[in-house]
Structure formats: structure tokens, C-alpha cells
Full PDB file with SEQRES, HELIX, SHEET, SSBOND, CRYST1, ORIGX, SCALE, CONECT and MASTER records, all heavy atoms in Angstrom:
SEQRES   1 A   41  ALA GLN LEU ALA GLU ALA GLY ALA LEU VAL GLY GLY TYR          
SEQRES   2 A   41  ALA ARG THR ALA GLU GLY GLN LEU LEU VAL GLU THR GLY          
SEQRES   3 A   41  TRP ALA ARG GLU VAL VAL ALA ASP ARG ALA VAL LEU ARG          
SEQRES   4 A   41  ALA ARG                                                      
HELIX    1 AA1 ALA A   17  GLU A   24  1                                   8    
HELIX    2 AA2 ARG A   35  ALA A   40  1                                   6    
CRYST1    1.000    1.000    1.000  90.00  90.00  90.00 P 1           1          
ORIGX1      1.000000  0.000000  0.000000        0.00000                         
ORIGX2      0.000000  1.000000  0.000000        0.00000                         
ORIGX3      0.000000  0.000000  1.000000        0.00000                         
SCALE1      1.000000  0.000000  0.000000        0.00000                         
SCALE2      0.000000  1.000000  0.000000        0.00000                         
SCALE3      0.000000  0.000000  1.000000        0.00000                         
ATOM      1  N   ALA A   1      52.093  -8.617 -23.963  1.00  0.00           N  
ATOM      2  CA  ALA A   1      52.104  -9.438 -22.824  1.00  0.00           C  
ATOM      3  C   ALA A   1      53.259  -9.099 -21.921  1.00  0.00           C  
ATOM      4  O   ALA A   1      53.047  -9.065 -20.705  1.00  0.00           O  
ATOM      5  CB  ALA A   1      52.159 -10.905 -23.234  1.00  0.00           C  
ATOM      6  N   GLN A   2      54.387  -8.705 -22.447  1.00  0.00           N  
ATOM      7  CA  GLN A   2      55.568  -8.406 -21.610  1.00  0.00           C  
ATOM      8  C   GLN A   2      55.418  -7.071 -21.034  1.00  0.00           C  
ATOM      9  O   GLN A   2      55.594  -6.920 -19.751  1.00  0.00           O  
ATOM     10  CB  GLN A   2      56.823  -8.270 -22.538  1.00  0.00           C  
ATOM     11  CG  GLN A   2      58.108  -8.278 -21.795  1.00  0.00           C  
ATOM     12  CD  GLN A   2      58.644  -9.547 -21.312  1.00  0.00           C  
ATOM     13  OE1 GLN A   2      58.118 -10.570 -21.818  1.00  0.00           O  
ATOM     14  NE2 GLN A   2      59.466  -9.549 -20.381  1.00  0.00           N  
ATOM     15  N   LEU A   3      54.845  -6.063 -21.720  1.00  0.00           N  
ATOM     16  CA  LEU A   3      54.604  -4.683 -21.150  1.00  0.00           C  
ATOM     17  C   LEU A   3      53.484  -4.680 -20.074  1.00  0.00           C  
ATOM     18  O   LEU A   3      53.623  -4.009 -19.046  1.00  0.00           O  
ATOM     19  CB  LEU A   3      54.346  -3.764 -22.266  1.00  0.00           C  
ATOM     20  CG  LEU A   3      55.406  -3.527 -23.213  1.00  0.00           C  
ATOM     21  CD1 LEU A   3      54.916  -2.534 -24.331  1.00  0.00           C  
ATOM     22  CD2 LEU A   3      56.676  -2.864 -22.556  1.00  0.00           C  
ATOM     23  N   ALA A   4      52.499  -5.421 -20.331  1.00  0.00           N  
ATOM     24  CA  ALA A   4      51.300  -5.375 -19.429  1.00  0.00           C  
ATOM     25  C   ALA A   4      51.264  -6.520 -18.403  1.00  0.00           C  
ATOM     26  O   ALA A   4      50.458  -6.593 -17.541  1.00  0.00           O  
ATOM     27  CB  ALA A   4      49.953  -5.459 -20.257  1.00  0.00           C  
ATOM     28  N   GLU A   5      52.324  -7.329 -18.416  1.00  0.00           N  
ATOM     29  CA  GLU A   5      52.470  -8.478 -17.546  1.00  0.00           C  
ATOM     30  C   GLU A   5      51.182  -9.303 -17.624  1.00  0.00           C  
ATOM     31  O   GLU A   5      50.615  -9.789 -16.677  1.00  0.00           O  
ATOM     32  CB  GLU A   5      52.700  -8.069 -16.168  1.00  0.00           C  
ATOM     33  CG  GLU A   5      54.015  -7.301 -15.922  1.00  0.00           C  
ATOM     34  CD  GLU A   5      54.224  -6.837 -14.513  1.00  0.00           C  
ATOM     35  OE1 GLU A   5      53.336  -7.071 -13.631  1.00  0.00           O  
ATOM     36  OE2 GLU A   5      55.342  -6.328 -14.205  1.00  0.00           O  
ATOM     37  N   ALA A   6      50.832  -9.626 -18.851  1.00  0.00           N  
ATOM     38  CA  ALA A   6      49.578 -10.454 -19.221  1.00  0.00           C  
ATOM     39  C   ALA A   6      49.999 -11.774 -19.603  1.00  0.00           C  
ATOM     40  O   ALA A   6      51.186 -12.134 -20.069  1.00  0.00           O  
ATOM     41  CB  ALA A   6      48.795  -9.738 -20.274  1.00  0.00           C  
ATOM     42  N   GLY A   7      49.024 -12.684 -19.582  1.00  0.00           N  
ATOM     43  CA  GLY A   7      49.214 -14.045 -20.111  1.00  0.00           C  
ATOM     44  C   GLY A   7      49.213 -14.069 -21.570  1.00  0.00           C  
ATOM     45  O   GLY A   7      48.821 -13.077 -22.271  1.00  0.00           O  
ATOM     46  N   ALA A   8      49.798 -15.095 -22.233  1.00  0.00           N  
ATOM     47  CA  ALA A   8      49.980 -15.223 -23.715  1.00  0.00           C  
ATOM     48  C   ALA A   8      49.639 -16.684 -24.145  1.00  0.00           C  
ATOM     49  O   ALA A   8      50.112 -17.634 -23.497  1.00  0.00           O  
ATOM     50  CB  ALA A   8      51.366 -14.827 -24.165  1.00  0.00           C  
ATOM     51  N   LEU A   9      48.973 -16.807 -25.179  1.00  0.00           N  
ATOM     52  CA  LEU A   9      48.601 -18.129 -25.711  1.00  0.00           C  
ATOM     53  C   LEU A   9      48.822 -18.099 -27.245  1.00  0.00           C  
ATOM     54  O   LEU A   9      48.142 -17.320 -27.912  1.00  0.00           O  
ATOM     55  CB  LEU A   9      47.138 -18.439 -25.370  1.00  0.00           C  
ATOM     56  CG  LEU A   9      46.568 -19.862 -25.933  1.00  0.00           C  
ATOM     57  CD1 LEU A   9      47.439 -20.974 -25.472  1.00  0.00           C  
ATOM     58  CD2 LEU A   9      45.229 -20.005 -25.498  1.00  0.00           C  
ATOM     59  N   VAL A  10      49.680 -18.868 -27.692  1.00  0.00           N  
ATOM     60  CA  VAL A  10      50.030 -19.035 -29.108  1.00  0.00           C  
ATOM     61  C   VAL A  10      49.720 -20.447 -29.520  1.00  0.00           C  
ATOM     62  O   VAL A  10      50.223 -21.453 -29.050  1.00  0.00           O  
ATOM     63  CB  VAL A  10      51.573 -18.841 -29.423  1.00  0.00           C  
ATOM     64  CG1 VAL A  10      51.889 -18.915 -30.840  1.00  0.00           C  
ATOM     65  CG2 VAL A  10      51.979 -17.373 -28.866  1.00  0.00           C  
ATOM     66  N   GLY A  11      48.646 -20.540 -30.372  1.00  0.00           N  
ATOM     67  CA  GLY A  11      48.093 -21.944 -30.757  1.00  0.00           C  
ATOM     68  C   GLY A  11      48.008 -22.118 -32.186  1.00  0.00           C  
ATOM     69  O   GLY A  11      48.068 -21.166 -33.111  1.00  0.00           O  
ATOM     70  N   GLY A  12      48.016 -23.454 -32.555  1.00  0.00           N  
ATOM     71  CA  GLY A  12      47.851 -23.802 -33.946  1.00  0.00           C  
ATOM     72  C   GLY A  12      47.984 -25.331 -34.050  1.00  0.00           C  
ATOM     73  O   GLY A  12      48.384 -25.975 -33.072  1.00  0.00           O  
ATOM     74  N   TYR A  13      47.603 -25.815 -35.225  1.00  0.00           N  
ATOM     75  CA  TYR A  13      47.855 -27.276 -35.448  1.00  0.00           C  
ATOM     76  C   TYR A  13      49.321 -27.505 -35.584  1.00  0.00           C  
ATOM     77  O   TYR A  13      49.803 -28.545 -35.371  1.00  0.00           O  
ATOM     78  CB  TYR A  13      47.061 -27.704 -36.698  1.00  0.00           C  
ATOM     79  CG  TYR A  13      45.548 -27.680 -36.445  1.00  0.00           C  
ATOM     80  CD1 TYR A  13      44.732 -26.813 -37.239  1.00  0.00           C  
ATOM     81  CD2 TYR A  13      44.924 -28.418 -35.460  1.00  0.00           C  
ATOM     82  CE1 TYR A  13      43.434 -26.835 -37.024  1.00  0.00           C  
ATOM     83  CE2 TYR A  13      43.550 -28.444 -35.250  1.00  0.00           C  
ATOM     84  CZ  TYR A  13      42.772 -27.559 -36.036  1.00  0.00           C  
ATOM     85  OH  TYR A  13      41.391 -27.500 -35.853  1.00  0.00           O  
ATOM     86  N   ALA A  14      50.009 -26.576 -36.294  1.00  0.00           N  
ATOM     87  CA  ALA A  14      51.431 -26.616 -36.476  1.00  0.00           C  
ATOM     88  C   ALA A  14      52.136 -25.745 -35.531  1.00  0.00           C  
ATOM     89  O   ALA A  14      51.423 -24.943 -34.852  1.00  0.00           O  
ATOM     90  CB  ALA A  14      51.846 -26.297 -38.014  1.00  0.00           C  
ATOM     91  N   ARG A  15      53.402 -25.671 -35.554  1.00  0.00           N  
ATOM     92  CA  ARG A  15      54.179 -24.750 -34.705  1.00  0.00           C  
ATOM     93  C   ARG A  15      55.245 -24.126 -35.413  1.00  0.00           C  
ATOM     94  O   ARG A  15      56.048 -24.787 -36.201  1.00  0.00           O  
ATOM     95  CB  ARG A  15      54.750 -25.548 -33.479  1.00  0.00           C  
ATOM     96  CG  ARG A  15      55.494 -24.641 -32.528  1.00  0.00           C  
ATOM     97  CD  ARG A  15      56.089 -25.410 -31.343  1.00  0.00           C  
ATOM     98  NE  ARG A  15      55.117 -26.273 -30.553  1.00  0.00           N  
ATOM     99  CZ  ARG A  15      55.524 -26.940 -29.564  1.00  0.00           C  
ATOM    100  NH1 ARG A  15      56.766 -27.149 -29.208  1.00  0.00           N  
ATOM    101  NH2 ARG A  15      54.545 -27.652 -28.881  1.00  0.00           N  
ATOM    102  N   THR A  16      55.438 -22.789 -35.305  1.00  0.00           N  
ATOM    103  CA  THR A  16      56.516 -22.024 -35.989  1.00  0.00           C  
ATOM    104  C   THR A  16      57.792 -22.206 -35.230  1.00  0.00           C  
ATOM    105  O   THR A  16      57.730 -22.619 -34.051  1.00  0.00           O  
ATOM    106  CB  THR A  16      56.050 -20.596 -36.132  1.00  0.00           C  
ATOM    107  OG1 THR A  16      55.862 -20.094 -34.861  1.00  0.00           O  
ATOM    108  CG2 THR A  16      54.826 -20.463 -36.988  1.00  0.00           C  
ATOM    109  N   ALA A  17      58.921 -21.862 -35.913  1.00  0.00           N  
ATOM    110  CA  ALA A  17      60.188 -21.819 -35.210  1.00  0.00           C  
ATOM    111  C   ALA A  17      60.129 -20.803 -34.121  1.00  0.00           C  
ATOM    112  O   ALA A  17      60.779 -20.933 -33.079  1.00  0.00           O  
ATOM    113  CB  ALA A  17      61.238 -21.585 -36.258  1.00  0.00           C  
ATOM    114  N   GLU A  18      59.455 -19.689 -34.342  1.00  0.00           N  
ATOM    115  CA  GLU A  18      59.373 -18.623 -33.403  1.00  0.00           C  
ATOM    116  C   GLU A  18      58.596 -19.181 -32.138  1.00  0.00           C  
ATOM    117  O   GLU A  18      58.998 -18.790 -31.013  1.00  0.00           O  
ATOM    118  CB  GLU A  18      58.606 -17.432 -33.897  1.00  0.00           C  
ATOM    119  CG  GLU A  18      59.384 -16.626 -34.939  1.00  0.00           C  
ATOM    120  CD  GLU A  18      59.383 -17.185 -36.409  1.00  0.00           C  
ATOM    121  OE1 GLU A  18      58.734 -18.276 -36.565  1.00  0.00           O  
ATOM    122  OE2 GLU A  18      60.078 -16.644 -37.123  1.00  0.00           O  
ATOM    123  N   GLY A  19      57.573 -19.989 -32.338  1.00  0.00           N  
ATOM    124  CA  GLY A  19      56.917 -20.547 -31.234  1.00  0.00           C  
ATOM    125  C   GLY A  19      57.724 -21.507 -30.473  1.00  0.00           C  
ATOM    126  O   GLY A  19      57.752 -21.602 -29.161  1.00  0.00           O  
ATOM    127  N   GLN A  20      58.549 -22.273 -31.209  1.00  0.00           N  
ATOM    128  CA  GLN A  20      59.495 -23.192 -30.536  1.00  0.00           C  
ATOM    129  C   GLN A  20      60.517 -22.483 -29.791  1.00  0.00           C  
ATOM    130  O   GLN A  20      60.980 -22.938 -28.664  1.00  0.00           O  
ATOM    131  CB  GLN A  20      60.149 -24.113 -31.613  1.00  0.00           C  
ATOM    132  CG  GLN A  20      61.044 -25.121 -31.047  1.00  0.00           C  
ATOM    133  CD  GLN A  20      60.391 -26.166 -30.265  1.00  0.00           C  
ATOM    134  OE1 GLN A  20      59.191 -26.450 -30.275  1.00  0.00           O  
ATOM    135  NE2 GLN A  20      61.234 -26.828 -29.285  1.00  0.00           N  
ATOM    136  N   LEU A  21      60.956 -21.327 -30.249  1.00  0.00           N  
ATOM    137  CA  LEU A  21      62.008 -20.571 -29.542  1.00  0.00           C  
ATOM    138  C   LEU A  21      61.382 -20.131 -28.215  1.00  0.00           C  
ATOM    139  O   LEU A  21      62.163 -20.018 -27.204  1.00  0.00           O  
ATOM    140  CB  LEU A  21      62.413 -19.373 -30.382  1.00  0.00           C  
ATOM    141  CG  LEU A  21      63.534 -18.439 -29.780  1.00  0.00           C  
ATOM    142  CD1 LEU A  21      64.845 -19.206 -29.681  1.00  0.00           C  
ATOM    143  CD2 LEU A  21      63.733 -17.201 -30.619  1.00  0.00           C  
ATOM    144  N   LEU A  22      60.184 -19.733 -28.097  1.00  0.00           N  
ATOM    145  CA  LEU A  22      59.480 -19.367 -26.917  1.00  0.00           C  
ATOM    146  C   LEU A  22      59.609 -20.485 -25.847  1.00  0.00           C  
ATOM    147  O   LEU A  22      59.837 -20.235 -24.641  1.00  0.00           O  
ATOM    148  CB  LEU A  22      58.109 -18.910 -27.077  1.00  0.00           C  
ATOM    149  CG  LEU A  22      57.804 -17.716 -27.986  1.00  0.00           C  
ATOM    150  CD1 LEU A  22      56.270 -17.463 -28.125  1.00  0.00           C  
ATOM    151  CD2 LEU A  22      58.510 -16.459 -27.407  1.00  0.00           C  
ATOM    152  N   VAL A  23      59.387 -21.747 -26.303  1.00  0.00           N  
ATOM    153  CA  VAL A  23      59.408 -22.885 -25.511  1.00  0.00           C  
ATOM    154  C   VAL A  23      60.845 -23.144 -24.950  1.00  0.00           C  
ATOM    155  O   VAL A  23      61.144 -23.405 -23.800  1.00  0.00           O  
ATOM    156  CB  VAL A  23      58.830 -24.154 -26.142  1.00  0.00           C  
ATOM    157  CG1 VAL A  23      59.040 -25.397 -25.333  1.00  0.00           C  
ATOM    158  CG2 VAL A  23      57.348 -23.883 -26.436  1.00  0.00           C  
ATOM    159  N   GLU A  24      61.808 -23.214 -25.949  1.00  0.00           N  
ATOM    160  CA  GLU A  24      63.211 -23.512 -25.553  1.00  0.00           C  
ATOM    161  C   GLU A  24      63.832 -22.530 -24.739  1.00  0.00           C  
ATOM    162  O   GLU A  24      64.745 -22.875 -23.910  1.00  0.00           O  
ATOM    163  CB  GLU A  24      63.960 -23.743 -26.951  1.00  0.00           C  
ATOM    164  CG  GLU A  24      63.535 -24.946 -27.715  1.00  0.00           C  
ATOM    165  CD  GLU A  24      64.478 -25.228 -28.798  1.00  0.00           C  
ATOM    166  OE1 GLU A  24      65.594 -24.613 -28.980  1.00  0.00           O  
ATOM    167  OE2 GLU A  24      64.081 -26.125 -29.648  1.00  0.00           O  
ATOM    168  N   THR A  25      63.564 -21.235 -24.825  1.00  0.00           N  
ATOM    169  CA  THR A  25      64.105 -20.208 -23.984  1.00  0.00           C  
ATOM    170  C   THR A  25      63.407 -20.158 -22.612  1.00  0.00           C  
ATOM    171  O   THR A  25      63.777 -19.475 -21.670  1.00  0.00           O  
ATOM    172  CB  THR A  25      63.981 -18.805 -24.601  1.00  0.00           C  
ATOM    173  OG1 THR A  25      62.581 -18.480 -24.859  1.00  0.00           O  
ATOM    174  CG2 THR A  25      64.904 -18.899 -25.925  1.00  0.00           C  
ATOM    175  N   GLY A  26      62.333 -20.917 -22.368  1.00  0.00           N  
ATOM    176  CA  GLY A  26      61.515 -20.846 -21.131  1.00  0.00           C  
ATOM    177  C   GLY A  26      60.578 -19.802 -20.970  1.00  0.00           C  
ATOM    178  O   GLY A  26      59.987 -19.585 -19.972  1.00  0.00           O  
ATOM    179  N   TRP A  27      60.418 -18.999 -22.005  1.00  0.00           N  
ATOM    180  CA  TRP A  27      59.507 -17.892 -21.889  1.00  0.00           C  
ATOM    181  C   TRP A  27      58.070 -18.412 -21.856  1.00  0.00           C  
ATOM    182  O   TRP A  27      57.144 -17.807 -21.249  1.00  0.00           O  
ATOM    183  CB  TRP A  27      59.678 -16.914 -23.129  1.00  0.00           C  
ATOM    184  CG  TRP A  27      59.026 -15.630 -23.039  1.00  0.00           C  
ATOM    185  CD1 TRP A  27      59.520 -14.505 -22.426  1.00  0.00           C  
ATOM    186  CD2 TRP A  27      57.674 -15.220 -23.419  1.00  0.00           C  
ATOM    187  NE1 TRP A  27      58.644 -13.439 -22.500  1.00  0.00           N  
ATOM    188  CE2 TRP A  27      57.390 -13.884 -23.053  1.00  0.00           C  
ATOM    189  CE3 TRP A  27      56.621 -15.963 -23.990  1.00  0.00           C  
ATOM    190  CZ2 TRP A  27      56.244 -13.214 -23.291  1.00  0.00           C  
ATOM    191  CZ3 TRP A  27      55.389 -15.268 -24.203  1.00  0.00           C  
ATOM    192  CH2 TRP A  27      55.229 -13.898 -23.816  1.00  0.00           C  
ATOM    193  N   ALA A  28      57.774 -19.466 -22.452  1.00  0.00           N  
ATOM    194  CA  ALA A  28      56.465 -20.076 -22.455  1.00  0.00           C  
ATOM    195  C   ALA A  28      56.603 -21.570 -22.335  1.00  0.00           C  
ATOM    196  O   ALA A  28      57.636 -22.206 -22.496  1.00  0.00           O  
ATOM    197  CB  ALA A  28      55.721 -19.830 -23.815  1.00  0.00           C  
ATOM    198  N   ARG A  29      55.461 -22.186 -21.893  1.00  0.00           N  
ATOM    199  CA  ARG A  29      55.360 -23.621 -21.673  1.00  0.00           C  
ATOM    200  C   ARG A  29      54.523 -24.260 -22.715  1.00  0.00           C  
ATOM    201  O   ARG A  29      53.573 -23.725 -23.175  1.00  0.00           O  
ATOM    202  CB  ARG A  29      54.802 -23.919 -20.269  1.00  0.00           C  
ATOM    203  CG  ARG A  29      54.640 -25.395 -20.000  1.00  0.00           C  
ATOM    204  CD  ARG A  29      54.020 -25.626 -18.621  1.00  0.00           C  
ATOM    205  NE  ARG A  29      53.837 -27.011 -18.349  1.00  0.00           N  
ATOM    206  CZ  ARG A  29      53.306 -27.450 -17.240  1.00  0.00           C  
ATOM    207  NH1 ARG A  29      52.923 -26.690 -16.357  1.00  0.00           N  
ATOM    208  NH2 ARG A  29      53.282 -28.796 -17.035  1.00  0.00           N  
ATOM    209  N   GLU A  30      54.928 -25.432 -23.267  1.00  0.00           N  
ATOM    210  CA  GLU A  30      54.193 -26.025 -24.358  1.00  0.00           C  
ATOM    211  C   GLU A  30      52.939 -26.780 -23.747  1.00  0.00           C  
ATOM    212  O   GLU A  30      53.062 -27.331 -22.667  1.00  0.00           O  
ATOM    213  CB  GLU A  30      54.980 -26.935 -25.156  1.00  0.00           C  
ATOM    214  CG  GLU A  30      55.537 -28.249 -24.468  1.00  0.00           C  
ATOM    215  CD  GLU A  30      56.253 -29.069 -25.459  1.00  0.00           C  
ATOM    216  OE1 GLU A  30      56.313 -28.774 -26.595  1.00  0.00           O  
ATOM    217  OE2 GLU A  30      56.796 -30.143 -25.096  1.00  0.00           O  
ATOM    218  N   VAL A  31      51.868 -26.796 -24.449  1.00  0.00           N  
ATOM    219  CA  VAL A  31      50.669 -27.441 -24.025  1.00  0.00           C  
ATOM    220  C   VAL A  31      50.281 -28.460 -25.174  1.00  0.00           C  
ATOM    221  O   VAL A  31      50.044 -27.974 -26.282  1.00  0.00           O  
ATOM    222  CB  VAL A  31      49.474 -26.447 -23.844  1.00  0.00           C  
ATOM    223  CG1 VAL A  31      48.178 -27.236 -23.516  1.00  0.00           C  
ATOM    224  CG2 VAL A  31      49.753 -25.566 -22.754  1.00  0.00           C  
ATOM    225  N   VAL A  32      50.554 -29.668 -24.915  1.00  0.00           N  
ATOM    226  CA  VAL A  32      50.444 -30.658 -25.931  1.00  0.00           C  
ATOM    227  C   VAL A  32      49.658 -31.937 -25.361  1.00  0.00           C  
ATOM    228  O   VAL A  32      49.664 -32.068 -24.132  1.00  0.00           O  
ATOM    229  CB  VAL A  32      51.751 -31.205 -26.536  1.00  0.00           C  
ATOM    230  CG1 VAL A  32      52.538 -30.104 -27.199  1.00  0.00           C  
ATOM    231  CG2 VAL A  32      52.644 -31.782 -25.389  1.00  0.00           C  
ATOM    232  N   ALA A  33      49.037 -32.726 -26.191  1.00  0.00           N  
ATOM    233  CA  ALA A  33      48.292 -33.854 -25.722  1.00  0.00           C  
ATOM    234  C   ALA A  33      49.278 -35.134 -25.518  1.00  0.00           C  
ATOM    235  O   ALA A  33      50.344 -35.020 -26.124  1.00  0.00           O  
ATOM    236  CB  ALA A  33      47.214 -34.244 -26.709  1.00  0.00           C  
ATOM    237  N   ASP A  34      48.892 -35.946 -24.686  1.00  0.00           N  
ATOM    238  CA  ASP A  34      49.763 -37.221 -24.520  1.00  0.00           C  
ATOM    239  C   ASP A  34      49.497 -38.155 -25.772  1.00  0.00           C  
ATOM    240  O   ASP A  34      48.516 -38.035 -26.519  1.00  0.00           O  
ATOM    241  CB  ASP A  34      49.552 -37.877 -23.294  1.00  0.00           C  
ATOM    242  CG  ASP A  34      48.078 -38.311 -23.092  1.00  0.00           C  
ATOM    243  OD1 ASP A  34      47.500 -38.807 -23.983  1.00  0.00           O  
ATOM    244  OD2 ASP A  34      47.594 -38.214 -21.897  1.00  0.00           O  
ATOM    245  N   ARG A  35      50.399 -39.120 -25.917  1.00  0.00           N  
ATOM    246  CA  ARG A  35      50.316 -39.867 -27.222  1.00  0.00           C  
ATOM    247  C   ARG A  35      49.032 -40.662 -27.256  1.00  0.00           C  
ATOM    248  O   ARG A  35      48.586 -41.041 -28.324  1.00  0.00           O  
ATOM    249  CB  ARG A  35      51.542 -40.775 -27.255  1.00  0.00           C  
ATOM    250  CG  ARG A  35      52.861 -40.038 -27.235  1.00  0.00           C  
ATOM    251  CD  ARG A  35      52.980 -38.978 -28.337  1.00  0.00           C  
ATOM    252  NE  ARG A  35      52.881 -39.516 -29.741  1.00  0.00           N  
ATOM    253  CZ  ARG A  35      52.908 -38.758 -30.877  1.00  0.00           C  
ATOM    254  NH1 ARG A  35      53.066 -37.447 -30.741  1.00  0.00           N  
ATOM    255  NH2 ARG A  35      52.742 -39.412 -31.969  1.00  0.00           N  
ATOM    256  N   ALA A  36      48.581 -41.202 -26.140  1.00  0.00           N  
ATOM    257  CA  ALA A  36      47.297 -42.035 -26.141  1.00  0.00           C  
ATOM    258  C   ALA A  36      46.128 -41.237 -26.681  1.00  0.00           C  
ATOM    259  O   ALA A  36      45.383 -41.767 -27.542  1.00  0.00           O  
ATOM    260  CB  ALA A  36      47.057 -42.566 -24.679  1.00  0.00           C  
ATOM    261  N   VAL A  37      46.039 -40.008 -26.189  1.00  0.00           N  
ATOM    262  CA  VAL A  37      44.895 -39.181 -26.735  1.00  0.00           C  
ATOM    263  C   VAL A  37      45.164 -38.820 -28.163  1.00  0.00           C  
ATOM    264  O   VAL A  37      44.229 -38.828 -28.985  1.00  0.00           O  
ATOM    265  CB  VAL A  37      44.764 -37.876 -25.862  1.00  0.00           C  
ATOM    266  CG1 VAL A  37      43.769 -36.961 -26.455  1.00  0.00           C  
ATOM    267  CG2 VAL A  37      44.404 -38.203 -24.357  1.00  0.00           C  
ATOM    268  N   LEU A  38      46.418 -38.616 -28.504  1.00  0.00           N  
ATOM    269  CA  LEU A  38      46.723 -38.195 -29.929  1.00  0.00           C  
ATOM    270  C   LEU A  38      46.253 -39.368 -30.829  1.00  0.00           C  
ATOM    271  O   LEU A  38      45.767 -39.139 -31.832  1.00  0.00           O  
ATOM    272  CB  LEU A  38      48.161 -37.901 -29.995  1.00  0.00           C  
ATOM    273  CG  LEU A  38      48.663 -37.477 -31.383  1.00  0.00           C  
ATOM    274  CD1 LEU A  38      47.914 -36.187 -31.867  1.00  0.00           C  
ATOM    275  CD2 LEU A  38      50.236 -37.198 -31.460  1.00  0.00           C  
ATOM    276  N   ARG A  39      46.699 -40.617 -30.419  1.00  0.00           N  
ATOM    277  CA  ARG A  39      46.336 -41.661 -31.322  1.00  0.00           C  
ATOM    278  C   ARG A  39      44.920 -41.980 -31.492  1.00  0.00           C  
ATOM    279  O   ARG A  39      44.421 -42.282 -32.556  1.00  0.00           O  
ATOM    280  CB  ARG A  39      46.958 -43.015 -30.745  1.00  0.00           C  
ATOM    281  CG  ARG A  39      48.442 -43.132 -30.987  1.00  0.00           C  
ATOM    282  CD  ARG A  39      48.948 -44.509 -30.655  1.00  0.00           C  
ATOM    283  NE  ARG A  39      48.806 -44.743 -29.237  1.00  0.00           N  
ATOM    284  CZ  ARG A  39      49.777 -44.517 -28.393  1.00  0.00           C  
ATOM    285  NH1 ARG A  39      50.932 -43.984 -28.716  1.00  0.00           N  
ATOM    286  NH2 ARG A  39      49.666 -44.841 -27.011  1.00  0.00           N  
ATOM    287  N   ALA A  40      44.105 -41.627 -30.418  1.00  0.00           N  
ATOM    288  CA  ALA A  40      42.627 -41.782 -30.496  1.00  0.00           C  
ATOM    289  C   ALA A  40      41.930 -40.668 -31.418  1.00  0.00           C  
ATOM    290  O   ALA A  40      40.874 -40.895 -31.997  1.00  0.00           O  
ATOM    291  CB  ALA A  40      41.990 -41.676 -29.146  1.00  0.00           C  
ATOM    292  N   ARG A  41      42.614 -39.482 -31.626  1.00  0.00           N  
ATOM    293  CA  ARG A  41      42.030 -38.362 -32.255  1.00  0.00           C  
ATOM    294  C   ARG A  41      42.490 -38.246 -33.722  1.00  0.00           C  
ATOM    295  O   ARG A  41      41.937 -37.522 -34.508  1.00  0.00           O  
ATOM    296  CB  ARG A  41      42.297 -37.140 -31.500  1.00  0.00           C  
ATOM    297  CG  ARG A  41      41.669 -36.983 -30.096  1.00  0.00           C  
ATOM    298  CD  ARG A  41      40.217 -36.588 -30.164  1.00  0.00           C  
ATOM    299  NE  ARG A  41      40.218 -35.244 -30.794  1.00  0.00           N  
ATOM    300  CZ  ARG A  41      40.240 -34.134 -29.921  1.00  0.00           C  
ATOM    301  NH1 ARG A  41      40.319 -34.215 -28.627  1.00  0.00           N  
ATOM    302  NH2 ARG A  41      40.030 -32.949 -30.436  1.00  0.00           N  
TER     303      ARG A  41                                                      
MASTER        0    0    0    2    0    0    0    6  302    1    0    4          
END                                                                             
């Protein structure tokens, strides 16, 4: 993704520390549901 200037999507029910590092450094944005939807599902 870095070399080709492409988009990147890292997904799962859980999240790794490596995925969290991408979010905290600003390299990626987290995509999460709001709490109301989460409670319903």
C-alpha cells in the first residue's frame, strides 16, 4: 500500500496491537460501530 499509494483495509472481530499502532500513529483511521448499533447486534 505504501509503495503503490493504494488504500488499505485491516479487518477482524478483534484487533491486534499492530493494528492499534496504525490507528495511534495516524497511518490509518478506525472504522467502528456506534454503541447503539453494537448493543442491538
